[in-house]
Amino acid sequence: MTAIENTALGRLDKEGRLLNAVLKGETAKPGRFGFRGDIALKFQAQLADEKRPPEYSIEQVLTIVQEGESTIPVLAGYLHSLAYLTEVGSVLDGALRPDGRYFMFCNNIDLLAKYRTKVGDISFHILPCDESTVWKEMMGLAGLDKNDFKKFDAGGKLDYLLNAAVALDVSYEEITYEDGLKRMGPVKNRNQNRPV
């Protein structure tokens, strides 16, 4: 039985940052723990004992961690603004590693943009995401089809997708984080043009 407290997600779980979990448990691979959900980046001020949703999070997170390891080898997620990337770096400080594969899909970057940027010594692949999900985008990136997943349970599917993500050969242009901030556009309102 793989316990979350023996993984790199243990601290985040203790801090109450792992929210809206679709999957939070063992995967098909022994000693591996998977998480699909949100990681809170900034909490709202709480009054008395009321529980408020975070101000912003890494949403639709896909990640797997190995028991006994203190770092996250691969993680994909959605950020409503590229400007939150420094917060990702500080919240996940010590849990990310320089040779890890980290994919961040952002709402407010050009739809044709794909680049790498660093926060400290951690490299992130920055990709656009519009009207889609991180799961679908990662499947497309890895060249996988939903039929490839038929025989797996939820943990097995996550393993399969993220194993493919680790093996990806993505050599995007490297830019500075400051340059990325200059290039980003306004944050789009997610609820615009939605039927009432």
N, C-alpha and C. Protein backbone atom coordinates (compact mmCIF):
# COMPACT_ATOMS: atom_id res chain seq x y z
N MET A 1 0.84 -1.20 0.00
CA MET A 1 0.00 0.00 0.00
C MET A 1 0.89 1.26 0.00
N THR A 2 0.76 2.08 -1.04
CA THR A 2 1.55 3.31 -1.13
C THR A 2 0.82 4.44 -0.41
N ALA A 3 1.46 5.01 0.59
CA ALA A 3 0.85 6.10 1.36
C ALA A 3 1.35 7.44 0.84
N ILE A 4 0.44 8.39 0.70
CA ILE A 4 0.80 9.71 0.16
C ILE A 4 1.87 10.40 1.00
N GLU A 5 1.85 10.17 2.33
CA GLU A 5 2.84 10.87 3.17
C GLU A 5 4.27 10.41 2.92
N ASN A 6 4.44 9.26 2.25
CA ASN A 6 5.79 8.78 1.92
C ASN A 6 6.21 9.19 0.52
N THR A 7 5.50 10.18 -0.06
CA THR A 7 5.82 10.64 -1.42
C THR A 7 6.05 12.15 -1.41
N ALA A 8 6.45 12.66 -2.57
CA ALA A 8 6.69 14.10 -2.73
C ALA A 8 5.40 14.92 -2.61
N LEU A 9 4.24 14.26 -2.66
CA LEU A 9 2.97 14.99 -2.51
C LEU A 9 2.54 15.11 -1.06
N GLY A 10 3.24 14.43 -0.16
CA GLY A 10 2.86 14.40 1.25
C GLY A 10 2.74 15.78 1.88
N ARG A 11 3.73 16.63 1.65
CA ARG A 11 3.71 17.98 2.23
C ARG A 11 2.53 18.79 1.69
N LEU A 12 2.29 18.70 0.37
CA LEU A 12 1.19 19.45 -0.24
C LEU A 12 -0.15 18.99 0.32
N ASP A 13 -0.26 17.69 0.57
CA ASP A 13 -1.49 17.13 1.14
C ASP A 13 -1.69 17.67 2.56
N LYS A 14 -0.61 17.69 3.35
CA LYS A 14 -0.68 18.20 4.72
C LYS A 14 -1.08 19.66 4.76
N GLU A 15 -0.61 20.42 3.77
CA GLU A 15 -0.92 21.86 3.70
C GLU A 15 -2.33 22.11 3.15
N GLY A 16 -3.04 21.04 2.80
CA GLY A 16 -4.41 21.18 2.28
C GLY A 16 -4.47 21.74 0.87
N ARG A 17 -3.40 21.50 0.09
CA ARG A 17 -3.33 22.05 -1.27
C ARG A 17 -3.89 21.13 -2.35
N LEU A 18 -4.06 19.84 -2.06
CA LEU A 18 -4.53 18.90 -3.08
C LEU A 18 -6.06 18.87 -3.05
N LEU A 19 -6.67 19.48 -4.05
CA LEU A 19 -8.12 19.66 -4.07
C LEU A 19 -8.76 19.02 -5.30
N ASN A 20 -10.08 18.83 -5.21
CA ASN A 20 -10.90 18.36 -6.35
C ASN A 20 -10.31 17.12 -7.02
N ALA A 21 -9.89 16.16 -6.23
CA ALA A 21 -9.21 14.99 -6.78
C ALA A 21 -10.17 14.07 -7.55
N VAL A 22 -9.78 13.78 -8.78
CA VAL A 22 -10.45 12.77 -9.59
C VAL A 22 -9.78 11.43 -9.28
N LEU A 23 -8.47 11.52 -9.02
CA LEU A 23 -7.68 10.35 -8.62
C LEU A 23 -6.66 10.82 -7.59
N LYS A 24 -6.59 10.10 -6.50
CA LYS A 24 -5.60 10.40 -5.46
C LYS A 24 -5.34 9.07 -4.79
N GLY A 25 -4.43 8.31 -5.39
CA GLY A 25 -4.15 6.97 -4.88
C GLY A 25 -3.13 6.23 -5.70
N GLU A 26 -3.01 4.96 -5.38
CA GLU A 26 -2.02 4.12 -6.08
C GLU A 26 -2.35 4.00 -7.56
N THR A 27 -1.29 3.83 -8.34
CA THR A 27 -1.49 3.57 -9.77
C THR A 27 -1.20 2.08 -9.99
N ALA A 28 -1.15 1.68 -11.26
CA ALA A 28 -0.93 0.27 -11.58
C ALA A 28 0.50 -0.18 -11.24
N LYS A 29 1.43 0.78 -11.19
CA LYS A 29 2.83 0.43 -10.93
C LYS A 29 3.09 0.39 -9.43
N PRO A 30 3.69 -0.67 -8.91
CA PRO A 30 3.95 -0.77 -7.47
C PRO A 30 4.79 0.40 -6.96
N GLY A 31 4.40 0.93 -5.79
CA GLY A 31 5.14 2.02 -5.17
C GLY A 31 4.90 3.38 -5.79
N ARG A 32 3.96 3.45 -6.73
CA ARG A 32 3.69 4.72 -7.40
C ARG A 32 2.33 5.27 -6.97
N PHE A 33 2.29 6.57 -6.75
CA PHE A 33 1.07 7.25 -6.31
C PHE A 33 0.70 8.28 -7.38
N GLY A 34 -0.57 8.32 -7.74
CA GLY A 34 -1.02 9.26 -8.78
C GLY A 34 -1.97 10.29 -8.23
N PHE A 35 -1.95 11.46 -8.86
CA PHE A 35 -2.88 12.52 -8.47
C PHE A 35 -3.40 13.23 -9.71
N ARG A 36 -4.73 13.34 -9.78
CA ARG A 36 -5.41 14.15 -10.79
C ARG A 36 -6.36 15.06 -10.04
N GLY A 37 -6.15 16.35 -10.16
CA GLY A 37 -6.99 17.31 -9.45
C GLY A 37 -6.36 18.68 -9.54
N ASP A 38 -6.52 19.49 -8.49
CA ASP A 38 -5.95 20.84 -8.47
C ASP A 38 -4.95 20.96 -7.32
N ILE A 39 -3.93 21.78 -7.52
CA ILE A 39 -2.99 22.11 -6.44
C ILE A 39 -3.15 23.60 -6.15
N ALA A 40 -3.65 23.92 -4.96
CA ALA A 40 -3.87 25.32 -4.58
C ALA A 40 -2.54 26.06 -4.51
N LEU A 41 -2.50 27.23 -5.13
CA LEU A 41 -1.29 28.06 -5.09
C LEU A 41 -1.43 29.18 -4.07
N LYS A 42 -2.58 29.86 -4.11
CA LYS A 42 -2.80 30.97 -3.17
C LYS A 42 -4.16 30.82 -2.52
N PHE A 43 -4.15 30.75 -1.19
CA PHE A 43 -5.40 30.62 -0.45
C PHE A 43 -6.02 31.98 -0.20
N GLN A 44 -7.35 32.01 -0.13
CA GLN A 44 -8.05 33.24 0.28
C GLN A 44 -7.98 33.35 1.78
N ALA A 45 -8.12 34.56 2.28
CA ALA A 45 -8.17 34.74 3.74
C ALA A 45 -9.44 34.07 4.25
N GLN A 46 -9.31 33.30 5.34
CA GLN A 46 -10.47 32.60 5.88
C GLN A 46 -11.00 33.32 7.10
N LEU A 47 -12.30 33.43 7.16
CA LEU A 47 -12.95 34.05 8.31
C LEU A 47 -13.53 32.94 9.17
N ALA A 48 -13.19 32.96 10.45
CA ALA A 48 -13.63 31.92 11.39
C ALA A 48 -13.30 30.54 10.83
N ASP A 49 -14.30 29.67 10.72
CA ASP A 49 -14.00 28.31 10.26
C ASP A 49 -14.54 28.04 8.86
N GLU A 50 -14.90 29.10 8.12
CA GLU A 50 -15.43 28.86 6.77
C GLU A 50 -14.30 28.42 5.84
N LYS A 51 -14.63 27.51 4.96
CA LYS A 51 -13.66 26.98 4.01
C LYS A 51 -13.90 27.68 2.68
N ARG A 52 -12.90 28.42 2.21
CA ARG A 52 -13.05 29.13 0.94
C ARG A 52 -12.18 28.49 -0.12
N PRO A 53 -12.63 28.54 -1.38
CA PRO A 53 -11.78 28.00 -2.44
C PRO A 53 -10.53 28.85 -2.60
N PRO A 54 -9.44 28.28 -3.11
CA PRO A 54 -8.22 29.07 -3.28
C PRO A 54 -8.45 30.21 -4.28
N GLU A 55 -7.62 31.24 -4.15
CA GLU A 55 -7.71 32.36 -5.09
C GLU A 55 -7.33 31.87 -6.49
N TYR A 56 -6.26 31.06 -6.56
CA TYR A 56 -5.91 30.41 -7.82
C TYR A 56 -5.08 29.15 -7.54
N SER A 57 -5.10 28.25 -8.53
CA SER A 57 -4.49 26.92 -8.41
C SER A 57 -3.84 26.52 -9.71
N ILE A 58 -3.06 25.43 -9.63
CA ILE A 58 -2.70 24.72 -10.87
C ILE A 58 -3.89 23.78 -11.04
N GLU A 59 -4.63 23.93 -12.10
CA GLU A 59 -5.83 23.12 -12.30
C GLU A 59 -5.54 21.92 -13.19
N GLN A 60 -6.43 20.94 -13.12
CA GLN A 60 -6.35 19.74 -13.97
C GLN A 60 -4.98 19.07 -13.91
N VAL A 61 -4.40 19.04 -12.73
CA VAL A 61 -3.05 18.48 -12.56
C VAL A 61 -3.04 16.99 -12.87
N LEU A 62 -2.00 16.56 -13.57
CA LEU A 62 -1.73 15.14 -13.81
C LEU A 62 -0.32 14.91 -13.30
N THR A 63 -0.17 14.06 -12.30
CA THR A 63 1.19 13.79 -11.82
C THR A 63 1.27 12.40 -11.19
N ILE A 64 2.47 11.87 -11.19
CA ILE A 64 2.76 10.60 -10.52
C ILE A 64 4.03 10.78 -9.71
N VAL A 65 4.08 10.15 -8.55
CA VAL A 65 5.26 10.22 -7.69
C VAL A 65 5.59 8.82 -7.20
N GLN A 66 6.85 8.61 -6.90
CA GLN A 66 7.30 7.30 -6.44
C GLN A 66 7.48 7.32 -4.92
N GLU A 67 7.04 6.26 -4.27
CA GLU A 67 7.19 6.16 -2.82
C GLU A 67 8.66 6.25 -2.44
N GLY A 68 8.95 7.00 -1.38
CA GLY A 68 10.32 7.12 -0.90
C GLY A 68 11.15 8.18 -1.62
N GLU A 69 10.59 8.78 -2.70
CA GLU A 69 11.31 9.84 -3.42
C GLU A 69 10.75 11.19 -2.99
N SER A 70 11.63 12.19 -2.89
CA SER A 70 11.18 13.50 -2.39
C SER A 70 10.82 14.48 -3.50
N THR A 71 10.95 14.04 -4.77
CA THR A 71 10.64 14.95 -5.87
C THR A 71 9.62 14.36 -6.84
N ILE A 72 8.99 15.27 -7.57
CA ILE A 72 7.97 14.91 -8.57
C ILE A 72 8.68 14.81 -9.93
N PRO A 73 8.65 13.63 -10.57
CA PRO A 73 9.37 13.49 -11.85
C PRO A 73 8.66 14.14 -13.04
N VAL A 74 7.32 14.14 -13.00
CA VAL A 74 6.55 14.67 -14.14
C VAL A 74 5.25 15.26 -13.63
N LEU A 75 4.86 16.41 -14.23
CA LEU A 75 3.62 17.05 -13.82
C LEU A 75 3.12 17.88 -14.99
N ALA A 76 1.82 17.81 -15.23
CA ALA A 76 1.18 18.67 -16.23
C ALA A 76 0.01 19.35 -15.54
N GLY A 77 -0.26 20.59 -15.94
CA GLY A 77 -1.37 21.30 -15.32
C GLY A 77 -1.74 22.53 -16.12
N TYR A 78 -2.82 23.18 -15.68
CA TYR A 78 -3.34 24.36 -16.36
C TYR A 78 -3.23 25.56 -15.42
N LEU A 79 -2.70 26.67 -15.94
CA LEU A 79 -2.63 27.92 -15.20
C LEU A 79 -3.49 28.96 -15.92
N HIS A 80 -4.31 29.66 -15.17
CA HIS A 80 -5.15 30.67 -15.79
C HIS A 80 -4.31 31.84 -16.30
N SER A 81 -3.14 32.03 -15.70
CA SER A 81 -2.22 33.08 -16.17
C SER A 81 -0.78 32.60 -16.02
N LEU A 82 0.03 32.90 -17.02
CA LEU A 82 1.45 32.55 -16.97
C LEU A 82 2.12 33.22 -15.76
N ALA A 83 1.57 34.35 -15.32
CA ALA A 83 2.15 35.08 -14.19
C ALA A 83 2.16 34.25 -12.90
N TYR A 84 1.34 33.21 -12.84
CA TYR A 84 1.30 32.35 -11.63
C TYR A 84 2.48 31.38 -11.56
N LEU A 85 3.30 31.35 -12.61
CA LEU A 85 4.38 30.36 -12.65
C LEU A 85 5.38 30.53 -11.51
N THR A 86 5.65 31.77 -11.09
CA THR A 86 6.58 31.96 -9.96
C THR A 86 6.00 31.36 -8.69
N GLU A 87 4.68 31.45 -8.56
CA GLU A 87 3.99 30.86 -7.40
C GLU A 87 4.12 29.33 -7.44
N VAL A 88 4.04 28.76 -8.64
CA VAL A 88 4.23 27.32 -8.80
C VAL A 88 5.62 26.95 -8.28
N GLY A 89 6.62 27.75 -8.68
CA GLY A 89 7.99 27.52 -8.24
C GLY A 89 8.13 27.57 -6.73
N SER A 90 7.46 28.54 -6.08
CA SER A 90 7.63 28.64 -4.62
C SER A 90 6.80 27.60 -3.86
N VAL A 91 5.57 27.32 -4.30
CA VAL A 91 4.74 26.32 -3.62
C VAL A 91 5.35 24.92 -3.76
N LEU A 92 5.89 24.63 -4.94
CA LEU A 92 6.47 23.30 -5.19
C LEU A 92 7.99 23.28 -4.95
N ASP A 93 8.50 24.33 -4.31
CA ASP A 93 9.93 24.41 -4.05
C ASP A 93 10.41 23.18 -3.29
N GLY A 94 11.46 22.57 -3.80
CA GLY A 94 12.00 21.37 -3.16
C GLY A 94 11.35 20.09 -3.65
N ALA A 95 10.17 20.21 -4.29
CA ALA A 95 9.48 19.02 -4.79
C ALA A 95 9.74 18.81 -6.28
N LEU A 96 10.27 19.84 -6.95
CA LEU A 96 10.59 19.72 -8.37
C LEU A 96 12.09 19.51 -8.53
N ARG A 97 12.47 18.89 -9.64
CA ARG A 97 13.91 18.64 -9.84
C ARG A 97 14.33 19.13 -11.24
N PRO A 98 15.58 19.55 -11.37
CA PRO A 98 16.04 20.11 -12.65
C PRO A 98 15.85 19.19 -13.85
N ASP A 99 15.88 17.87 -13.65
CA ASP A 99 15.70 16.97 -14.79
C ASP A 99 14.25 16.48 -14.93
N GLY A 100 13.33 17.08 -14.18
CA GLY A 100 11.92 16.68 -14.25
C GLY A 100 11.26 17.21 -15.52
N ARG A 101 10.11 16.65 -15.86
CA ARG A 101 9.35 17.12 -17.04
C ARG A 101 8.08 17.79 -16.53
N TYR A 102 8.00 19.11 -16.76
CA TYR A 102 6.87 19.89 -16.25
C TYR A 102 6.21 20.67 -17.38
N PHE A 103 4.94 20.39 -17.60
CA PHE A 103 4.17 20.99 -18.69
C PHE A 103 3.09 21.90 -18.11
N MET A 104 3.12 23.18 -18.48
CA MET A 104 2.09 24.11 -18.00
C MET A 104 1.34 24.67 -19.20
N PHE A 105 0.04 24.42 -19.21
CA PHE A 105 -0.83 24.95 -20.25
C PHE A 105 -1.43 26.24 -19.72
N CYS A 106 -1.29 27.32 -20.49
CA CYS A 106 -1.72 28.63 -19.99
C CYS A 106 -2.82 29.23 -20.85
N ASN A 107 -3.71 29.93 -20.18
CA ASN A 107 -4.85 30.56 -20.82
C ASN A 107 -4.45 31.78 -21.64
N ASN A 108 -3.43 32.51 -21.18
CA ASN A 108 -3.18 33.83 -21.76
C ASN A 108 -1.88 33.92 -22.57
N ILE A 109 -1.55 32.83 -23.28
CA ILE A 109 -0.42 32.93 -24.21
C ILE A 109 -0.94 32.66 -25.62
N ASP A 110 -0.18 33.10 -26.59
CA ASP A 110 -0.56 32.95 -27.99
C ASP A 110 -0.85 31.47 -28.28
N LEU A 111 -1.92 31.22 -29.04
CA LEU A 111 -2.32 29.84 -29.33
C LEU A 111 -1.30 29.06 -30.15
N LEU A 112 -0.34 29.76 -30.75
CA LEU A 112 0.69 29.06 -31.51
C LEU A 112 2.00 28.96 -30.74
N ALA A 113 2.02 29.57 -29.55
CA ALA A 113 3.27 29.63 -28.77
C ALA A 113 3.57 28.30 -28.08
N LYS A 114 4.83 27.93 -28.11
CA LYS A 114 5.33 26.77 -27.35
C LYS A 114 6.76 27.10 -27.00
N TYR A 115 7.07 27.17 -25.73
CA TYR A 115 8.44 27.48 -25.36
C TYR A 115 8.77 26.89 -23.99
N ARG A 116 10.04 27.00 -23.64
CA ARG A 116 10.50 26.56 -22.32
C ARG A 116 10.96 27.79 -21.57
N THR A 117 10.72 27.78 -20.28
CA THR A 117 11.22 28.86 -19.45
C THR A 117 11.60 28.30 -18.09
N LYS A 118 12.46 29.02 -17.40
CA LYS A 118 12.92 28.51 -16.10
C LYS A 118 12.46 29.41 -14.96
N VAL A 119 12.15 28.77 -13.85
CA VAL A 119 11.93 29.47 -12.59
C VAL A 119 12.98 28.85 -11.67
N GLY A 120 13.99 29.64 -11.31
CA GLY A 120 15.13 29.08 -10.58
C GLY A 120 15.86 28.14 -11.53
N ASP A 121 16.12 26.91 -11.08
CA ASP A 121 16.80 25.96 -11.97
C ASP A 121 15.83 24.91 -12.52
N ILE A 122 14.53 25.21 -12.41
CA ILE A 122 13.51 24.28 -12.90
C ILE A 122 12.95 24.76 -14.24
N SER A 123 12.97 23.85 -15.21
CA SER A 123 12.50 24.17 -16.55
C SER A 123 11.04 23.75 -16.73
N PHE A 124 10.24 24.63 -17.34
CA PHE A 124 8.83 24.34 -17.62
C PHE A 124 8.58 24.45 -19.12
N HIS A 125 7.81 23.51 -19.66
CA HIS A 125 7.33 23.60 -21.04
C HIS A 125 6.02 24.37 -20.97
N ILE A 126 5.95 25.50 -21.67
CA ILE A 126 4.77 26.36 -21.63
C ILE A 126 4.01 26.20 -22.95
N LEU A 127 2.74 25.85 -22.82
CA LEU A 127 1.91 25.58 -24.00
C LEU A 127 0.56 26.27 -23.87
N PRO A 128 -0.08 26.56 -25.02
CA PRO A 128 -1.39 27.20 -24.95
C PRO A 128 -2.49 26.18 -24.63
N CYS A 129 -3.58 26.65 -24.07
CA CYS A 129 -4.73 25.76 -23.81
C CYS A 129 -5.98 26.62 -23.94
N ASP A 130 -6.79 26.30 -24.91
CA ASP A 130 -8.01 27.06 -25.12
C ASP A 130 -9.13 26.09 -25.41
N GLU A 131 -10.17 26.14 -24.61
CA GLU A 131 -11.34 25.28 -24.84
C GLU A 131 -10.99 23.79 -24.88
N SER A 132 -10.00 23.38 -24.15
CA SER A 132 -9.64 21.97 -24.12
C SER A 132 -9.28 21.60 -22.69
N THR A 133 -8.81 20.35 -22.51
CA THR A 133 -8.39 19.92 -21.17
C THR A 133 -6.92 19.53 -21.23
N VAL A 134 -6.29 19.55 -20.07
CA VAL A 134 -4.89 19.14 -19.99
C VAL A 134 -4.75 17.69 -20.45
N TRP A 135 -5.70 16.85 -20.05
CA TRP A 135 -5.64 15.42 -20.44
C TRP A 135 -5.61 15.29 -21.96
N LYS A 136 -6.55 15.97 -22.65
CA LYS A 136 -6.61 15.88 -24.12
C LYS A 136 -5.35 16.47 -24.77
N GLU A 137 -4.90 17.60 -24.23
CA GLU A 137 -3.70 18.24 -24.79
C GLU A 137 -2.47 17.33 -24.63
N MET A 138 -2.35 16.70 -23.47
CA MET A 138 -1.20 15.80 -23.24
C MET A 138 -1.28 14.56 -24.13
N MET A 139 -2.50 14.06 -24.34
CA MET A 139 -2.66 12.92 -25.25
C MET A 139 -2.21 13.30 -26.66
N GLY A 140 -2.61 14.49 -27.09
CA GLY A 140 -2.21 14.98 -28.42
C GLY A 140 -0.71 15.15 -28.52
N LEU A 141 -0.12 15.72 -27.48
CA LEU A 141 1.31 15.95 -27.44
C LEU A 141 2.09 14.63 -27.51
N ALA A 142 1.58 13.63 -26.80
CA ALA A 142 2.25 12.33 -26.76
C ALA A 142 1.87 11.44 -27.94
N GLY A 143 0.94 11.92 -28.78
CA GLY A 143 0.53 11.14 -29.96
C GLY A 143 -0.25 9.89 -29.58
N LEU A 144 -1.04 9.98 -28.50
CA LEU A 144 -1.82 8.82 -28.05
C LEU A 144 -3.28 8.96 -28.46
N ASP A 145 -3.93 7.83 -28.53
CA ASP A 145 -5.34 7.78 -28.90
C ASP A 145 -6.11 7.17 -27.73
N LYS A 146 -7.38 7.54 -27.56
CA LYS A 146 -8.11 7.01 -26.39
C LYS A 146 -8.24 5.49 -26.42
N ASN A 147 -8.13 4.89 -27.60
CA ASN A 147 -8.19 3.43 -27.69
C ASN A 147 -6.97 2.76 -27.03
N ASP A 148 -5.86 3.53 -26.92
CA ASP A 148 -4.65 3.01 -26.27
C ASP A 148 -4.89 2.75 -24.79
N PHE A 149 -5.93 3.40 -24.23
CA PHE A 149 -6.16 3.37 -22.78
C PHE A 149 -7.24 2.39 -22.34
N LYS A 150 -7.95 1.81 -23.29
CA LYS A 150 -9.14 1.01 -22.99
C LYS A 150 -8.97 0.00 -21.87
N LYS A 151 -7.84 -0.68 -21.86
CA LYS A 151 -7.69 -1.79 -20.91
C LYS A 151 -7.25 -1.36 -19.50
N PHE A 152 -6.99 -0.05 -19.29
CA PHE A 152 -6.47 0.40 -17.99
C PHE A 152 -7.55 0.99 -17.09
N ASP A 153 -7.29 0.91 -15.77
CA ASP A 153 -8.14 1.64 -14.82
C ASP A 153 -7.61 3.07 -14.73
N ALA A 154 -8.20 3.91 -13.86
CA ALA A 154 -7.81 5.33 -13.78
C ALA A 154 -6.32 5.51 -13.49
N GLY A 155 -5.78 4.73 -12.54
CA GLY A 155 -4.35 4.83 -12.20
C GLY A 155 -3.47 4.36 -13.35
N GLY A 156 -3.88 3.31 -14.02
CA GLY A 156 -3.14 2.77 -15.16
C GLY A 156 -3.10 3.75 -16.32
N LYS A 157 -4.23 4.46 -16.54
CA LYS A 157 -4.29 5.46 -17.61
C LYS A 157 -3.32 6.59 -17.34
N LEU A 158 -3.29 7.04 -16.08
CA LEU A 158 -2.38 8.13 -15.71
C LEU A 158 -0.93 7.70 -15.89
N ASP A 159 -0.60 6.49 -15.44
CA ASP A 159 0.75 5.93 -15.63
C ASP A 159 1.14 5.95 -17.11
N TYR A 160 0.24 5.42 -17.93
CA TYR A 160 0.50 5.27 -19.36
C TYR A 160 0.76 6.62 -20.02
N LEU A 161 -0.11 7.60 -19.72
CA LEU A 161 0.02 8.93 -20.32
C LEU A 161 1.31 9.62 -19.86
N LEU A 162 1.59 9.58 -18.57
CA LEU A 162 2.76 10.30 -18.07
C LEU A 162 4.07 9.60 -18.40
N ASN A 163 4.06 8.27 -18.55
CA ASN A 163 5.26 7.57 -19.05
C ASN A 163 5.58 8.06 -20.46
N ALA A 164 4.52 8.24 -21.27
CA ALA A 164 4.71 8.74 -22.64
C ALA A 164 5.21 10.18 -22.61
N ALA A 165 4.72 10.98 -21.64
CA ALA A 165 5.14 12.39 -21.53
C ALA A 165 6.62 12.50 -21.17
N VAL A 166 7.09 11.63 -20.28
CA VAL A 166 8.50 11.65 -19.87
C VAL A 166 9.40 11.33 -21.07
N ALA A 167 8.91 10.46 -21.95
CA ALA A 167 9.71 10.03 -23.10
C ALA A 167 9.67 11.02 -24.26
N LEU A 168 8.81 12.04 -24.17
CA LEU A 168 8.67 13.00 -25.27
C LEU A 168 9.97 13.75 -25.56
N ASP A 169 10.22 13.95 -26.83
CA ASP A 169 11.38 14.74 -27.23
C ASP A 169 10.86 16.12 -27.63
N VAL A 170 10.78 17.02 -26.66
CA VAL A 170 10.26 18.36 -26.95
C VAL A 170 11.38 19.38 -26.76
N SER A 171 11.81 19.95 -27.86
CA SER A 171 12.87 20.96 -27.75
C SER A 171 12.31 22.29 -28.24
N TYR A 172 11.57 22.96 -27.34
CA TYR A 172 11.00 24.25 -27.67
C TYR A 172 12.04 25.34 -27.44
N GLU A 173 11.78 26.49 -28.05
CA GLU A 173 12.64 27.66 -27.86
C GLU A 173 12.69 27.99 -26.36
N GLU A 174 13.89 28.31 -25.88
CA GLU A 174 14.02 28.68 -24.47
C GLU A 174 13.99 30.20 -24.34
N ILE A 175 13.10 30.71 -23.51
CA ILE A 175 13.02 32.15 -23.29
C ILE A 175 13.06 32.41 -21.78
N THR A 176 13.34 33.65 -21.41
CA THR A 176 13.34 33.97 -19.98
C THR A 176 11.90 34.12 -19.52
N TYR A 177 11.69 33.94 -18.25
CA TYR A 177 10.36 34.10 -17.67
C TYR A 177 9.86 35.54 -17.91
N GLU A 178 10.77 36.51 -17.77
CA GLU A 178 10.41 37.92 -17.98
C GLU A 178 9.92 38.13 -19.41
N ASP A 179 10.60 37.49 -20.37
CA ASP A 179 10.19 37.59 -21.77
C ASP A 179 8.80 36.97 -21.95
N GLY A 180 8.57 35.85 -21.27
CA GLY A 180 7.26 35.20 -21.32
C GLY A 180 6.17 36.12 -20.82
N LEU A 181 6.46 36.85 -19.73
CA LEU A 181 5.48 37.79 -19.17
C LEU A 181 5.19 38.92 -20.16
N LYS A 182 6.23 39.36 -20.89
CA LYS A 182 6.02 40.42 -21.89
C LYS A 182 5.15 39.92 -23.04
N ARG A 183 5.31 38.65 -23.39
CA ARG A 183 4.57 38.10 -24.53
C ARG A 183 3.13 37.73 -24.19
N MET A 184 2.84 37.50 -22.90
CA MET A 184 1.50 37.00 -22.57
C MET A 184 0.44 38.06 -22.81
N GLY A 185 -0.76 37.59 -23.14
CA GLY A 185 -1.88 38.50 -23.37
C GLY A 185 -2.74 38.60 -22.13
N PRO A 186 -3.88 39.28 -22.26
CA PRO A 186 -4.79 39.37 -21.12
C PRO A 186 -5.40 38.00 -20.82
N VAL A 187 -5.77 37.79 -19.57
CA VAL A 187 -6.41 36.53 -19.19
C VAL A 187 -7.83 36.54 -19.73
N LYS A 188 -8.19 35.47 -20.43
CA LYS A 188 -9.54 35.40 -21.00
C LYS A 188 -10.54 34.99 -19.92
N ASN A 189 -11.72 35.54 -20.00
CA ASN A 189 -12.78 35.17 -19.08
C ASN A 189 -13.35 33.82 -19.49
N ARG A 190 -13.22 32.84 -18.61
CA ARG A 190 -13.68 31.49 -18.95
C ARG A 190 -15.19 31.41 -19.18
N ASN A 191 -15.95 32.31 -18.57
CA ASN A 191 -17.41 32.20 -18.64
C ASN A 191 -18.02 33.01 -19.78
N GLN A 192 -17.16 33.68 -20.52
CA GLN A 192 -17.64 34.46 -21.65
C GLN A 192 -18.20 33.52 -22.71
N ASN A 193 -19.24 33.96 -23.39
CA ASN A 193 -19.87 33.19 -24.47
C ASN A 193 -20.44 31.85 -24.03
N ARG A 194 -20.61 31.66 -22.74
CA ARG A 194 -21.23 30.42 -22.28
C ARG A 194 -22.73 30.65 -22.17
N PRO A 195 -23.54 29.67 -22.54
CA PRO A 195 -24.98 29.85 -22.38
C PRO A 195 -25.35 29.98 -20.91
N VAL A 196 -26.32 30.79 -20.63
CA VAL A 196 -26.72 31.01 -19.21
C VAL A 196 -27.73 29.97 -18.79
